[in-house]
Amino acid sequence: MTRRIISALTGIALVAAALPAVAQQPAAQPAQPSLNSRLAGDLVPTHDPVIIREGDTYHVFSTGHGKRLIETRMSTDLVNWKAGDPVFTALPAWASEAIPGSNGMWAPDISCVDGRYRLYYSVSTFGSNRSAIGLATSKTLDRASPDYGWRDEGMVVMSTKDDDYNAIDPNFIIDRDGRHWLTLGSFWSGIKLFELDPATGKPMGPKATPISSARRPAPAGGPAPVEAPFIIDHGGYYWLMVSYDYCCKGVNSTYYTVIGRSKTITGPYLGKDGSKLMEGGGTIFLRADLQEQQRWRGPGHAGWLHDEDGRDYVVYHAYDKQADGAPTLRIAPVTWGADGWPVAQY
């Protein structure tokens, strides 16, 4: 009996050995947590952020009020963030005189030009287009350096009730021909573009005529919510990001960000479907969580980082429903699809 069992088992083994091997499917790899899900530290309050890297340190600048005029945050890994001292503790005298009642510096923009950092910022009051953009410069962002210190360079652009635009939300860019530009704007007749004098960082002349690049058509007297422009140079195109609808309402904010591209910096900027940003078109780039999630509301006022390793990131704020609608720092890697369009991995 024992011999029969052994013989049978041996036969089964020989048959199994003769059969082709069945390929083993690799175990599914767990999805990697997103950068946004790993952000930690001083993330609140962050409103209208921009980001830049100096050496091994990333710096985020954002809107500030009272004695904290331009909030600052630093990180060495893009994940763990620590709040720093504000850029200013009081408005420059020219700003207080030009914009009575203002107590904040809004929507900064940071760049490095010829070895000196340029920080553009807005001074305004809510709902008014009596607004101004100012400029401060510093040789370094490192507060431990003896070269650190922000110098007030004064007013850059001002708008009044007699203008059809609002001089807030600045963004600076140098085009491929070496020309300097400042895009800006909120509501009114939309987003404008000014050419700058490279030496001063200010418009070429006192009566410089702005170029229109995005707007939201509306009935006379009706709201036309488009703001927070940011221009990126990539792949032979200039890409214009703007935020549509309403910020600053906590979880009730309806902000979202669209993008369009143009072969020239002055436009016209078109969405993937050919829709014109000058007609309220574009392609959605950042939007709120789906209804079944409901956490991150009103993502917008996007900035951009092209890092030293060639990777791209979009930085923005969103309102956290799990924290009473607090405006919170968000950062997402950006990939470029086969169609040449950017996709935020948020």
C-alpha atoms as a PDB file:
ATOM      1  CA  MET A   1       0.000   0.000   0.000  1.00  0.00           C
ATOM      2  CA  THR A   2       2.736   2.442   0.916  1.00  0.00           C
ATOM      3  CA  ARG A   3       4.547   1.685  -2.348  1.00  0.00           C
ATOM      4  CA  ARG A   4       1.359   2.479  -4.338  1.00  0.00           C
ATOM      5  CA  ILE A   5       0.966   5.870  -2.614  1.00  0.00           C
ATOM      6  CA  ILE A   6       4.596   6.797  -3.198  1.00  0.00           C
ATOM      7  CA  SER A   7       4.326   5.733  -6.846  1.00  0.00           C
ATOM      8  CA  ALA A   8       1.174   7.834  -7.336  1.00  0.00           C
ATOM      9  CA  LEU A   9       2.754  10.897  -5.750  1.00  0.00           C
ATOM     10  CA  THR A  10       5.834  10.465  -7.906  1.00  0.00           C
ATOM     11  CA  GLY A  11       3.659  10.343 -11.029  1.00  0.00           C
ATOM     12  CA  ILE A  12       1.848  13.519 -10.055  1.00  0.00           C
ATOM     13  CA  ALA A  13       5.176  15.277  -9.475  1.00  0.00           C
ATOM     14  CA  LEU A  14       6.463  14.183 -12.904  1.00  0.00           C
ATOM     15  CA  VAL A  15       3.294  15.470 -14.631  1.00  0.00           C
ATOM     16  CA  ALA A  16       3.492  18.778 -12.771  1.00  0.00           C
ATOM     17  CA  ALA A  17       7.111  19.205 -13.775  1.00  0.00           C
ATOM     18  CA  ALA A  18       6.176  18.688 -17.426  1.00  0.00           C
ATOM     19  CA  LEU A  19       3.501  21.408 -17.368  1.00  0.00           C
ATOM     20  CA  PRO A  20       4.475  24.971 -18.350  1.00  0.00           C
ATOM     21  CA  ALA A  21       5.162  27.228 -15.419  1.00  0.00           C
ATOM     22  CA  VAL A  22       2.349  29.601 -14.484  1.00  0.00           C
ATOM     23  CA  ALA A  23       3.581  33.190 -14.353  1.00  0.00           C
ATOM     24  CA  GLN A  24       3.227  34.715 -10.929  1.00  0.00           C
ATOM     25  CA  GLN A  25       1.495  38.113 -11.006  1.00  0.00           C
ATOM     26  CA  PRO A  26       3.402  40.697  -8.977  1.00  0.00           C
ATOM     27  CA  ALA A  27       1.534  42.003  -5.978  1.00  0.00           C
ATOM     28  CA  ALA A  28      -0.156  45.343  -6.616  1.00  0.00           C
ATOM     29  CA  GLN A  29       1.924  48.170  -5.238  1.00  0.00           C
ATOM     30  CA  PRO A  30       0.121  50.483  -2.825  1.00  0.00           C
ATOM     31  CA  ALA A  31      -0.488  53.962  -4.176  1.00  0.00           C
ATOM     32  CA  GLN A  32       2.103  56.444  -3.005  1.00  0.00           C
ATOM     33  CA  PRO A  33       0.684  59.159  -0.742  1.00  0.00           C
ATOM     34  CA  SER A  34       0.379  62.507  -2.466  1.00  0.00           C
ATOM     35  CA  LEU A  35       2.629  65.404  -1.557  1.00  0.00           C
ATOM     36  CA  ASN A  36      -0.403  67.298  -0.273  1.00  0.00           C
ATOM     37  CA  SER A  37      -1.280  64.453   2.096  1.00  0.00           C
ATOM     38  CA  ARG A  38       2.236  64.576   3.579  1.00  0.00           C
ATOM     39  CA  LEU A  39       2.505  68.332   4.127  1.00  0.00           C
ATOM     40  CA  ALA A  40       3.172  69.122   7.774  1.00  0.00           C
ATOM     41  CA  GLY A  41       4.061  71.971  10.103  1.00  0.00           C
ATOM     42  CA  ASP A  42       2.938  75.591   9.791  1.00  0.00           C
ATOM     43  CA  LEU A  43       0.489  75.384   6.901  1.00  0.00           C
ATOM     44  CA  VAL A  44      -2.166  77.834   8.196  1.00  0.00           C
ATOM     45  CA  PRO A  45      -2.989  80.572   7.446  1.00  0.00           C
ATOM     46  CA  THR A  46      -1.666  80.603   3.885  1.00  0.00           C
ATOM     47  CA  HIS A  47      -3.451  82.755   1.339  1.00  0.00           C
ATOM     48  CA  ASP A  48      -2.224  83.613  -2.191  1.00  0.00           C
ATOM     49  CA  PRO A  49       1.100  81.741  -1.946  1.00  0.00           C
ATOM     50  CA  VAL A  50       4.161  81.874  -4.190  1.00  0.00           C
ATOM     51  CA  ILE A  51       7.241  79.682  -3.905  1.00  0.00           C
ATOM     52  CA  ILE A  52      10.927  79.924  -4.731  1.00  0.00           C
ATOM     53  CA  ARG A  53      14.098  78.002  -3.895  1.00  0.00           C
ATOM     54  CA  GLU A  54      17.364  79.490  -2.684  1.00  0.00           C
ATOM     55  CA  GLY A  55      20.106  76.920  -2.128  1.00  0.00           C
ATOM     56  CA  ASP A  56      18.689  74.037  -0.098  1.00  0.00           C
ATOM     57  CA  THR A  57      15.705  75.984   1.210  1.00  0.00           C
ATOM     58  CA  TYR A  58      12.258  76.492  -0.254  1.00  0.00           C
ATOM     59  CA  HIS A  59      10.505  79.741   0.624  1.00  0.00           C
ATOM     60  CA  VAL A  60       6.762  80.447   0.482  1.00  0.00           C
ATOM     61  CA  PHE A  61       5.464  84.010   0.664  1.00  0.00           C
ATOM     62  CA  SER A  62       1.769  84.793   1.136  1.00  0.00           C
ATOM     63  CA  THR A  63      -0.733  87.499   2.058  1.00  0.00           C
ATOM     64  CA  GLY A  64      -0.350  89.105   5.484  1.00  0.00           C
ATOM     65  CA  HIS A  65      -2.238  91.647   7.596  1.00  0.00           C
ATOM     66  CA  GLY A  66      -1.681  93.944  10.561  1.00  0.00           C
ATOM     67  CA  LYS A  67       1.890  93.638  11.756  1.00  0.00           C
ATOM     68  CA  ARG A  68       2.546  90.500   9.716  1.00  0.00           C
ATOM     69  CA  LEU A  69       2.799  91.981   6.248  1.00  0.00           C
ATOM     70  CA  ILE A  70       3.721  89.134   3.902  1.00  0.00           C
ATOM     71  CA  GLU A  71       3.806  85.823   5.727  1.00  0.00           C
ATOM     72  CA  THR A  72       6.867  83.604   5.208  1.00  0.00           C
ATOM     73  CA  ARG A  73       7.423  79.851   5.451  1.00  0.00           C
ATOM     74  CA  MET A  74      10.500  77.705   4.889  1.00  0.00           C
ATOM     75  CA  SER A  75      11.217  74.051   4.171  1.00  0.00           C
ATOM     76  CA  THR A  76      14.188  71.954   3.095  1.00  0.00           C
ATOM     77  CA  ASP A  77      12.118  69.067   1.725  1.00  0.00           C
ATOM     78  CA  LEU A  78       8.852  70.605   0.420  1.00  0.00           C
ATOM     79  CA  VAL A  79       7.010  68.603   3.088  1.00  0.00           C
ATOM     80  CA  ASN A  80       7.772  70.069   6.532  1.00  0.00           C
ATOM     81  CA  TRP A  81       7.145  73.804   6.789  1.00  0.00           C
ATOM     82  CA  LYS A  82       8.079  76.336   9.447  1.00  0.00           C
ATOM     83  CA  ALA A  83       6.680  79.855   9.673  1.00  0.00           C
ATOM     84  CA  GLY A  84       9.167  82.716   9.734  1.00  0.00           C
ATOM     85  CA  ASP A  85       9.027  86.391  10.562  1.00  0.00           C
ATOM     86  CA  PRO A  86       6.964  88.608   8.269  1.00  0.00           C
ATOM     87  CA  VAL A  87       8.704  90.631   5.573  1.00  0.00           C
ATOM     88  CA  PHE A  88       7.331  93.911   7.008  1.00  0.00           C
ATOM     89  CA  THR A  89       5.566  94.974  10.198  1.00  0.00           C
ATOM     90  CA  ALA A  90       4.183  98.237   8.789  1.00  0.00           C
ATOM     91  CA  LEU A  91       3.150  99.569   5.397  1.00  0.00           C
ATOM     92  CA  PRO A  92       5.562 101.925   3.648  1.00  0.00           C
ATOM     93  CA  ALA A  93       4.495 105.560   3.973  1.00  0.00           C
ATOM     94  CA  TRP A  94       3.720 105.826   0.266  1.00  0.00           C
ATOM     95  CA  ALA A  95       1.307 102.864   0.486  1.00  0.00           C
ATOM     96  CA  SER A  96      -0.613 104.245   3.471  1.00  0.00           C
ATOM     97  CA  GLU A  97      -0.986 107.558   1.672  1.00  0.00           C
ATOM     98  CA  ALA A  98      -1.967 106.044  -1.678  1.00  0.00           C
ATOM     99  CA  ILE A  99      -4.468 103.508  -0.284  1.00  0.00           C
ATOM    100  CA  PRO A 100      -6.164 104.873   2.876  1.00  0.00           C
ATOM    101  CA  GLY A 101      -7.653 102.195   5.100  1.00  0.00           C
ATOM    102  CA  SER A 102      -5.433  99.362   3.930  1.00  0.00           C
ATOM    103  CA  ASN A 103      -3.878  97.147   6.588  1.00  0.00           C
ATOM    104  CA  GLY A 104      -2.441  94.361   4.491  1.00  0.00           C
ATOM    105  CA  MET A 105      -0.015  93.305   1.813  1.00  0.00           C
ATOM    106  CA  TRP A 106      -1.720  90.887  -0.531  1.00  0.00           C
ATOM    107  CA  ALA A 107      -0.738  88.295  -3.086  1.00  0.00           C
ATOM    108  CA  PRO A 108       3.060  88.629  -3.266  1.00  0.00           C
ATOM    109  CA  ASP A 109       5.224  87.453  -6.146  1.00  0.00           C
ATOM    110  CA  ILE A 110       8.898  86.471  -5.790  1.00  0.00           C
ATOM    111  CA  SER A 111      11.657  86.182  -8.366  1.00  0.00           C
ATOM    112  CA  CYS A 112      15.413  86.656  -8.651  1.00  0.00           C
ATOM    113  CA  VAL A 113      16.735  89.129 -11.227  1.00  0.00           C
ATOM    114  CA  ASP A 114      20.449  89.777 -11.712  1.00  0.00           C
ATOM    115  CA  GLY A 115      21.336  88.419  -8.273  1.00  0.00           C
ATOM    116  CA  ARG A 116      18.685  90.361  -6.348  1.00  0.00           C
ATOM    117  CA  TYR A 117      15.256  89.127  -5.231  1.00  0.00           C
ATOM    118  CA  ARG A 118      12.206  91.089  -6.305  1.00  0.00           C
ATOM    119  CA  LEU A 119       9.089  90.889  -4.146  1.00  0.00           C
ATOM    120  CA  TYR A 120       6.029  92.452  -5.758  1.00  0.00           C
ATOM    121  CA  TYR A 121       2.919  92.835  -3.582  1.00  0.00           C
ATOM    122  CA  SER A 122      -0.540  94.450  -3.592  1.00  0.00           C
ATOM    123  CA  VAL A 123      -2.039  97.088  -1.313  1.00  0.00           C
ATOM    124  CA  SER A 124      -5.807  97.553  -1.511  1.00  0.00           C
ATOM    125  CA  THR A 125      -9.103  97.376   0.359  1.00  0.00           C
ATOM    126  CA  PHE A 126     -11.654  94.663  -0.306  1.00  0.00           C
ATOM    127  CA  GLY A 127     -13.926  95.302  -3.270  1.00  0.00           C
ATOM    128  CA  SER A 128     -12.183  98.497  -4.411  1.00  0.00           C
ATOM    129  CA  ASN A 129      -9.961  99.114  -7.419  1.00  0.00           C
ATOM    130  CA  ARG A 130      -8.136 101.937  -5.689  1.00  0.00           C
ATOM    131  CA  SER A 131      -5.139  99.658  -5.437  1.00  0.00           C
ATOM    132  CA  ALA A 132      -1.380  99.709  -5.840  1.00  0.00           C
ATOM    133  CA  ILE A 133       1.429  97.277  -6.460  1.00  0.00           C
ATOM    134  CA  GLY A 134       4.692  97.876  -4.647  1.00  0.00           C
ATOM    135  CA  LEU A 135       8.176  96.412  -4.933  1.00  0.00           C
ATOM    136  CA  ALA A 136      10.760  95.422  -2.334  1.00  0.00           C
ATOM    137  CA  THR A 137      14.164  93.876  -3.049  1.00  0.00           C
ATOM    138  CA  SER A 138      16.773  91.914  -1.110  1.00  0.00           C
ATOM    139  CA  LYS A 139      20.110  90.360  -2.020  1.00  0.00           C
ATOM    140  CA  THR A 140      19.213  87.117  -0.249  1.00  0.00           C
ATOM    141  CA  LEU A 141      16.315  85.319   1.449  1.00  0.00           C
ATOM    142  CA  ASP A 142      18.584  83.912   4.166  1.00  0.00           C
ATOM    143  CA  ARG A 143      17.869  85.855   7.360  1.00  0.00           C
ATOM    144  CA  ALA A 144      21.158  84.666   8.861  1.00  0.00           C
ATOM    145  CA  SER A 145      23.148  86.349   6.108  1.00  0.00           C
ATOM    146  CA  PRO A 146      24.561  89.861   6.620  1.00  0.00           C
ATOM    147  CA  ASP A 147      23.284  90.627   3.102  1.00  0.00           C
ATOM    148  CA  TYR A 148      19.664  90.013   4.120  1.00  0.00           C
ATOM    149  CA  GLY A 149      17.280  92.955   4.215  1.00  0.00           C
ATOM    150  CA  TRP A 150      14.316  94.194   2.226  1.00  0.00           C
ATOM    151  CA  ARG A 151      14.595  97.595   0.557  1.00  0.00           C
ATOM    152  CA  ASP A 152      11.415  99.476  -0.332  1.00  0.00           C
ATOM    153  CA  GLU A 153      11.499 100.376  -4.034  1.00  0.00           C
ATOM    154  CA  GLY A 154       8.163 102.185  -3.963  1.00  0.00           C
ATOM    155  CA  MET A 155       5.072 102.043  -6.126  1.00  0.00           C
ATOM    156  CA  VAL A 156       5.027 100.132  -9.408  1.00  0.00           C
ATOM    157  CA  VAL A 157       1.439 100.467 -10.700  1.00  0.00           C
ATOM    158  CA  MET A 158      -1.669 102.112  -9.257  1.00  0.00           C
ATOM    159  CA  SER A 159      -5.316 101.894 -10.318  1.00  0.00           C
ATOM    160  CA  THR A 160      -8.198 104.166  -9.339  1.00  0.00           C
ATOM    161  CA  LYS A 161     -11.948 104.282  -9.875  1.00  0.00           C
ATOM    162  CA  ASP A 162     -11.240 105.902 -13.232  1.00  0.00           C
ATOM    163  CA  ASP A 163      -9.404 102.780 -14.476  1.00  0.00           C
ATOM    164  CA  ASP A 164     -11.016  99.658 -15.925  1.00  0.00           C
ATOM    165  CA  TYR A 165      -8.670  97.295 -14.073  1.00  0.00           C
ATOM    166  CA  ASN A 166      -7.556  96.534 -10.517  1.00  0.00           C
ATOM    167  CA  ALA A 167      -3.841  96.706  -9.682  1.00  0.00           C
ATOM    168  CA  ILE A 168      -3.520  93.642  -7.463  1.00  0.00           C
ATOM    169  CA  ASP A 169      -2.187  90.065  -7.811  1.00  0.00           C
ATOM    170  CA  PRO A 170       1.139  90.776  -9.558  1.00  0.00           C
ATOM    171  CA  ASN A 171       3.275  88.176 -11.305  1.00  0.00           C
ATOM    172  CA  PHE A 172       6.654  88.866 -12.915  1.00  0.00           C
ATOM    173  CA  ILE A 173       8.198  87.057 -15.886  1.00  0.00           C
ATOM    174  CA  ILE A 174      11.077  87.539 -18.317  1.00  0.00           C
ATOM    175  CA  ASP A 175      10.181  86.347 -21.809  1.00  0.00           C
ATOM    176  CA  ARG A 176      12.436  84.461 -24.232  1.00  0.00           C
ATOM    177  CA  ASP A 177      13.563  87.722 -25.808  1.00  0.00           C
ATOM    178  CA  GLY A 178      14.714  89.109 -22.454  1.00  0.00           C
ATOM    179  CA  ARG A 179      11.793  91.531 -22.080  1.00  0.00           C
ATOM    180  CA  HIS A 180      10.377  92.009 -18.586  1.00  0.00           C
ATOM    181  CA  TRP A 181       6.647  91.872 -17.888  1.00  0.00           C
ATOM    182  CA  LEU A 182       4.203  92.172 -14.998  1.00  0.00           C
ATOM    183  CA  THR A 183       0.786  90.563 -15.246  1.00  0.00           C
ATOM    184  CA  LEU A 184      -1.861  91.623 -12.739  1.00  0.00           C
ATOM    185  CA  GLY A 185      -5.540  92.114 -12.202  1.00  0.00           C
ATOM    186  CA  SER A 186      -8.741  91.161 -10.500  1.00  0.00           C
ATOM    187  CA  PHE A 187     -12.384  91.528 -11.557  1.00  0.00           C
ATOM    188  CA  TRP A 188     -13.217  94.777 -13.433  1.00  0.00           C
ATOM    189  CA  SER A 189     -12.133  94.230 -17.067  1.00  0.00           C
ATOM    190  CA  GLY A 190      -9.832  91.347 -16.141  1.00  0.00           C
ATOM    191  CA  ILE A 191      -6.148  90.500 -16.392  1.00  0.00           C
ATOM    192  CA  LYS A 192      -3.602  93.000 -17.722  1.00  0.00           C
ATOM    193  CA  LEU A 193       0.019  92.835 -18.837  1.00  0.00           C
ATOM    194  CA  PHE A 194       2.547  95.677 -18.456  1.00  0.00           C
ATOM    195  CA  GLU A 195       6.005  95.735 -19.997  1.00  0.00           C
ATOM    196  CA  LEU A 196       8.673  96.730 -17.449  1.00  0.00           C
ATOM    197  CA  ASP A 197      11.968  98.559 -17.532  1.00  0.00           C
ATOM    198  CA  PRO A 198      14.525  95.834 -16.683  1.00  0.00           C
ATOM    199  CA  ALA A 199      16.615  98.286 -14.672  1.00  0.00           C
ATOM    200  CA  THR A 200      13.820  99.435 -12.347  1.00  0.00           C
ATOM    201  CA  GLY A 201      11.241  96.625 -12.422  1.00  0.00           C
ATOM    202  CA  LYS A 202       8.586  99.276 -13.136  1.00  0.00           C
ATOM    203  CA  PRO A 203       6.572 100.146 -16.265  1.00  0.00           C
ATOM    204  CA  MET A 204       8.454 101.602 -19.200  1.00  0.00           C
ATOM    205  CA  GLY A 205       6.662 104.952 -18.865  1.00  0.00           C
ATOM    206  CA  PRO A 206       4.180 106.748 -16.587  1.00  0.00           C
ATOM    207  CA  LYS A 207       1.405 106.312 -19.160  1.00  0.00           C
ATOM    208  CA  ALA A 208       2.117 102.718 -20.120  1.00  0.00           C
ATOM    209  CA  THR A 209      -0.886 101.075 -21.756  1.00  0.00           C
ATOM    210  CA  PRO A 210      -1.734  97.647 -20.352  1.00  0.00           C
ATOM    211  CA  ILE A 211      -2.456  94.686 -22.640  1.00  0.00           C
ATOM    212  CA  SER A 212      -5.547  92.596 -21.865  1.00  0.00           C
ATOM    213  CA  SER A 213      -5.031  88.831 -21.635  1.00  0.00           C
ATOM    214  CA  ALA A 214      -8.065  87.373 -19.786  1.00  0.00           C
ATOM    215  CA  ARG A 215     -11.539  88.494 -18.800  1.00  0.00           C
ATOM    216  CA  ARG A 216     -14.969  87.152 -17.797  1.00  0.00           C
ATOM    217  CA  PRO A 217     -17.707  88.841 -19.817  1.00  0.00           C
ATOM    218  CA  ALA A 218     -20.651  89.942 -17.667  1.00  0.00           C
ATOM    219  CA  PRO A 219     -23.697  92.183 -17.999  1.00  0.00           C
ATOM    220  CA  ALA A 220     -23.085  95.857 -17.288  1.00  0.00           C
ATOM    221  CA  GLY A 221     -22.560  96.255 -13.556  1.00  0.00           C
ATOM    222  CA  GLY A 222     -22.356  92.520 -12.990  1.00  0.00           C
ATOM    223  CA  PRO A 223     -19.419  90.725 -11.322  1.00  0.00           C
ATOM    224  CA  ALA A 224     -16.675  89.356 -13.553  1.00  0.00           C
ATOM    225  CA  PRO A 225     -14.578  87.179 -11.230  1.00  0.00           C
ATOM    226  CA  VAL A 226     -11.166  86.506 -12.753  1.00  0.00           C
ATOM    227  CA  GLU A 227      -7.920  87.147 -10.883  1.00  0.00           C
ATOM    228  CA  ALA A 228      -4.578  85.782  -9.660  1.00  0.00           C
ATOM    229  CA  PRO A 229      -2.676  85.538 -12.976  1.00  0.00           C
ATOM    230  CA  PHE A 230       0.577  83.595 -13.255  1.00  0.00           C
ATOM    231  CA  ILE A 231       2.516  83.041 -16.497  1.00  0.00           C
ATOM    232  CA  ILE A 232       4.809  80.041 -17.129  1.00  0.00           C
ATOM    233  CA  ASP A 233       7.168  79.480 -20.061  1.00  0.00           C
ATOM    234  CA  HIS A 234       7.209  75.799 -21.106  1.00  0.00           C
ATOM    235  CA  GLY A 235       7.500  73.779 -24.295  1.00  0.00           C
ATOM    236  CA  GLY A 236       7.416  76.679 -26.704  1.00  0.00           C
ATOM    237  CA  TYR A 237       4.274  78.164 -25.166  1.00  0.00           C
ATOM    238  CA  TYR A 238       3.460  80.717 -22.518  1.00  0.00           C
ATOM    239  CA  TRP A 239       0.864  79.360 -20.104  1.00  0.00           C
ATOM    240  CA  LEU A 240      -1.490  81.684 -18.221  1.00  0.00           C
ATOM    241  CA  MET A 241      -3.158  80.448 -15.038  1.00  0.00           C
ATOM    242  CA  VAL A 242      -6.027  82.473 -13.566  1.00  0.00           C
ATOM    243  CA  SER A 243      -8.571  81.830 -10.830  1.00  0.00           C
ATOM    244  CA  TYR A 244     -12.291  82.061 -11.561  1.00  0.00           C
ATOM    245  CA  ASP A 245     -15.170  82.803  -9.201  1.00  0.00           C
ATOM    246  CA  TYR A 246     -14.886  83.702  -5.497  1.00  0.00           C
ATOM    247  CA  CYS A 247     -12.209  83.301  -2.849  1.00  0.00           C
ATOM    248  CA  CYS A 248     -12.143  84.435   0.776  1.00  0.00           C
ATOM    249  CA  LYS A 249     -15.429  82.818   1.846  1.00  0.00           C
ATOM    250  CA  GLY A 250     -14.002  79.836   3.708  1.00  0.00           C
ATOM    251  CA  VAL A 251     -15.768  76.585   2.829  1.00  0.00           C
ATOM    252  CA  ASN A 252     -18.231  78.559   0.723  1.00  0.00           C
ATOM    253  CA  SER A 253     -15.464  79.723  -1.618  1.00  0.00           C
ATOM    254  CA  THR A 254     -16.057  78.772  -5.233  1.00  0.00           C
ATOM    255  CA  TYR A 255     -12.553  79.495  -6.545  1.00  0.00           C
ATOM    256  CA  TYR A 256     -11.078  77.247  -9.213  1.00  0.00           C
ATOM    257  CA  THR A 257      -8.095  77.649 -11.534  1.00  0.00           C
ATOM    258  CA  VAL A 258      -8.016  77.477 -15.318  1.00  0.00           C
ATOM    259  CA  ILE A 259      -5.103  77.557 -17.742  1.00  0.00           C
ATOM    260  CA  GLY A 260      -4.568  78.536 -21.353  1.00  0.00           C
ATOM    261  CA  ARG A 261      -1.573  78.800 -23.648  1.00  0.00           C
ATOM    262  CA  SER A 262      -0.220  81.104 -26.323  1.00  0.00           C
ATOM    263  CA  LYS A 263       2.797  81.182 -28.611  1.00  0.00           C
ATOM    264  CA  THR A 264       3.353  84.821 -27.603  1.00  0.00           C
ATOM    265  CA  ILE A 265       3.356  86.303 -24.121  1.00  0.00           C
ATOM    266  CA  THR A 266       0.770  88.899 -25.097  1.00  0.00           C
ATOM    267  CA  GLY A 267      -1.756  86.235 -26.147  1.00  0.00           C
ATOM    268  CA  PRO A 268      -4.291  85.224 -27.212  1.00  0.00           C
ATOM    269  CA  TYR A 269      -4.443  82.487 -24.570  1.00  0.00           C
ATOM    270  CA  LEU A 270      -6.575  79.463 -25.453  1.00  0.00           C
ATOM    271  CA  GLY A 271      -7.781  76.406 -23.566  1.00  0.00           C
ATOM    272  CA  LYS A 272      -7.303  72.863 -24.813  1.00  0.00           C
ATOM    273  CA  ASP A 273     -10.676  73.086 -26.572  1.00  0.00           C
ATOM    274  CA  GLY A 274      -9.751  76.364 -28.250  1.00  0.00           C
ATOM    275  CA  SER A 275     -11.836  78.481 -25.875  1.00  0.00           C
ATOM    276  CA  LYS A 276     -10.461  81.983 -25.290  1.00  0.00           C
ATOM    277  CA  LEU A 277      -9.445  83.293 -21.872  1.00  0.00           C
ATOM    278  CA  MET A 278     -10.551  86.697 -23.128  1.00  0.00           C
ATOM    279  CA  GLU A 279     -14.057  85.211 -23.296  1.00  0.00           C
ATOM    280  CA  GLY A 280     -14.041  83.415 -19.937  1.00  0.00           C
ATOM    281  CA  GLY A 281     -12.727  80.156 -21.392  1.00  0.00           C
ATOM    282  CA  GLY A 282      -9.711  77.982 -20.642  1.00  0.00           C
ATOM    283  CA  THR A 283      -9.070  74.472 -19.315  1.00  0.00           C
ATOM    284  CA  ILE A 284      -9.687  73.593 -15.670  1.00  0.00           C
ATOM    285  CA  PHE A 285      -6.390  72.968 -13.882  1.00  0.00           C
ATOM    286  CA  LEU A 286      -7.332  72.984 -10.161  1.00  0.00           C
ATOM    287  CA  ARG A 287     -10.811  72.358  -8.804  1.00  0.00           C
ATOM    288  CA  ALA A 288     -12.412  71.582  -5.464  1.00  0.00           C
ATOM    289  CA  ASP A 289     -12.785  68.052  -4.121  1.00  0.00           C
ATOM    290  CA  LEU A 290     -15.740  66.120  -5.469  1.00  0.00           C
ATOM    291  CA  GLN A 291     -18.988  66.410  -3.561  1.00  0.00           C
ATOM    292  CA  GLU A 292     -18.554  63.059  -1.831  1.00  0.00           C
ATOM    293  CA  GLN A 293     -15.252  64.235  -0.348  1.00  0.00           C
ATOM    294  CA  GLN A 294     -16.053  67.833   0.450  1.00  0.00           C
ATOM    295  CA  ARG A 295     -12.822  68.680   2.289  1.00  0.00           C
ATOM    296  CA  TRP A 296     -10.681  71.031   0.185  1.00  0.00           C
ATOM    297  CA  ARG A 297     -12.708  73.928  -1.151  1.00  0.00           C
ATOM    298  CA  GLY A 298     -11.867  76.859  -3.419  1.00  0.00           C
ATOM    299  CA  PRO A 299      -8.365  75.880  -4.631  1.00  0.00           C
ATOM    300  CA  GLY A 300      -6.733  78.816  -6.329  1.00  0.00           C
ATOM    301  CA  HIS A 301      -4.314  81.711  -6.574  1.00  0.00           C
ATOM    302  CA  ALA A 302      -1.757  79.355  -8.026  1.00  0.00           C
ATOM    303  CA  GLY A 303       1.995  79.927  -8.214  1.00  0.00           C
ATOM    304  CA  TRP A 304       4.678  77.783  -9.818  1.00  0.00           C
ATOM    305  CA  LEU A 305       8.067  76.240  -9.053  1.00  0.00           C
ATOM    306  CA  HIS A 306      10.380  74.776 -11.689  1.00  0.00           C
ATOM    307  CA  ASP A 307      12.805  72.994  -9.380  1.00  0.00           C
ATOM    308  CA  GLU A 308      16.520  72.402  -9.904  1.00  0.00           C
ATOM    309  CA  ASP A 309      15.918  68.739 -10.795  1.00  0.00           C
ATOM    310  CA  GLY A 310      13.552  69.737 -13.605  1.00  0.00           C
ATOM    311  CA  ARG A 311      10.360  68.872 -11.747  1.00  0.00           C
ATOM    312  CA  ASP A 312       7.425  71.281 -11.745  1.00  0.00           C
ATOM    313  CA  TYR A 313       5.100  72.085  -8.856  1.00  0.00           C
ATOM    314  CA  VAL A 314       2.016  74.225  -8.432  1.00  0.00           C
ATOM    315  CA  VAL A 315       1.504  75.961  -5.080  1.00  0.00           C
ATOM    316  CA  TYR A 316      -1.902  77.269  -4.080  1.00  0.00           C
ATOM    317  CA  HIS A 317      -4.285  77.714  -1.182  1.00  0.00           C
ATOM    318  CA  ALA A 318      -7.489  75.820  -0.413  1.00  0.00           C
ATOM    319  CA  TYR A 319     -10.017  76.098   2.403  1.00  0.00           C
ATOM    320  CA  ASP A 320     -10.065  73.114   4.759  1.00  0.00           C
ATOM    321  CA  LYS A 321     -13.579  72.075   5.743  1.00  0.00           C
ATOM    322  CA  GLN A 322     -12.134  69.967   8.563  1.00  0.00           C
ATOM    323  CA  ALA A 323     -10.536  73.098  10.079  1.00  0.00           C
ATOM    324  CA  ASP A 324     -13.412  75.597   9.898  1.00  0.00           C
ATOM    325  CA  GLY A 325     -12.419  76.662   6.412  1.00  0.00           C
ATOM    326  CA  ALA A 326      -8.849  77.724   7.253  1.00  0.00           C
ATOM    327  CA  PRO A 327      -6.819  78.822   4.202  1.00  0.00           C
ATOM    328  CA  THR A 328      -4.134  76.169   3.937  1.00  0.00           C
ATOM    329  CA  LEU A 329      -0.903  75.686   1.999  1.00  0.00           C
ATOM    330  CA  ARG A 330      -1.186  73.131  -0.802  1.00  0.00           C
ATOM    331  CA  ILE A 331       1.543  71.932  -3.193  1.00  0.00           C
ATOM    332  CA  ALA A 332       1.144  69.469  -6.056  1.00  0.00           C
ATOM    333  CA  PRO A 333       3.640  68.004  -8.530  1.00  0.00           C
ATOM    334  CA  VAL A 334       2.795  68.739 -12.161  1.00  0.00           C
ATOM    335  CA  THR A 335       3.321  66.315 -15.036  1.00  0.00           C
ATOM    336  CA  TRP A 336       3.052  67.133 -18.728  1.00  0.00           C
ATOM    337  CA  GLY A 337       0.777  64.837 -20.718  1.00  0.00           C
ATOM    338  CA  ALA A 338       1.345  63.387 -24.157  1.00  0.00           C
ATOM    339  CA  ASP A 339      -0.865  66.184 -25.498  1.00  0.00           C
ATOM    340  CA  GLY A 340       1.541  68.738 -24.048  1.00  0.00           C
ATOM    341  CA  TRP A 341      -0.852  69.978 -21.343  1.00  0.00           C
ATOM    342  CA  PRO A 342      -0.071  70.086 -17.602  1.00  0.00           C
ATOM    343  CA  VAL A 343      -1.779  67.856 -15.052  1.00  0.00           C
ATOM    344  CA  ALA A 344      -1.612  68.627 -11.325  1.00  0.00           C
ATOM    345  CA  GLN A 345      -1.109  65.515  -9.167  1.00  0.00           C
ATOM    346  CA  TYR A 346      -3.197  66.680  -6.232  1.00  0.00           C
END
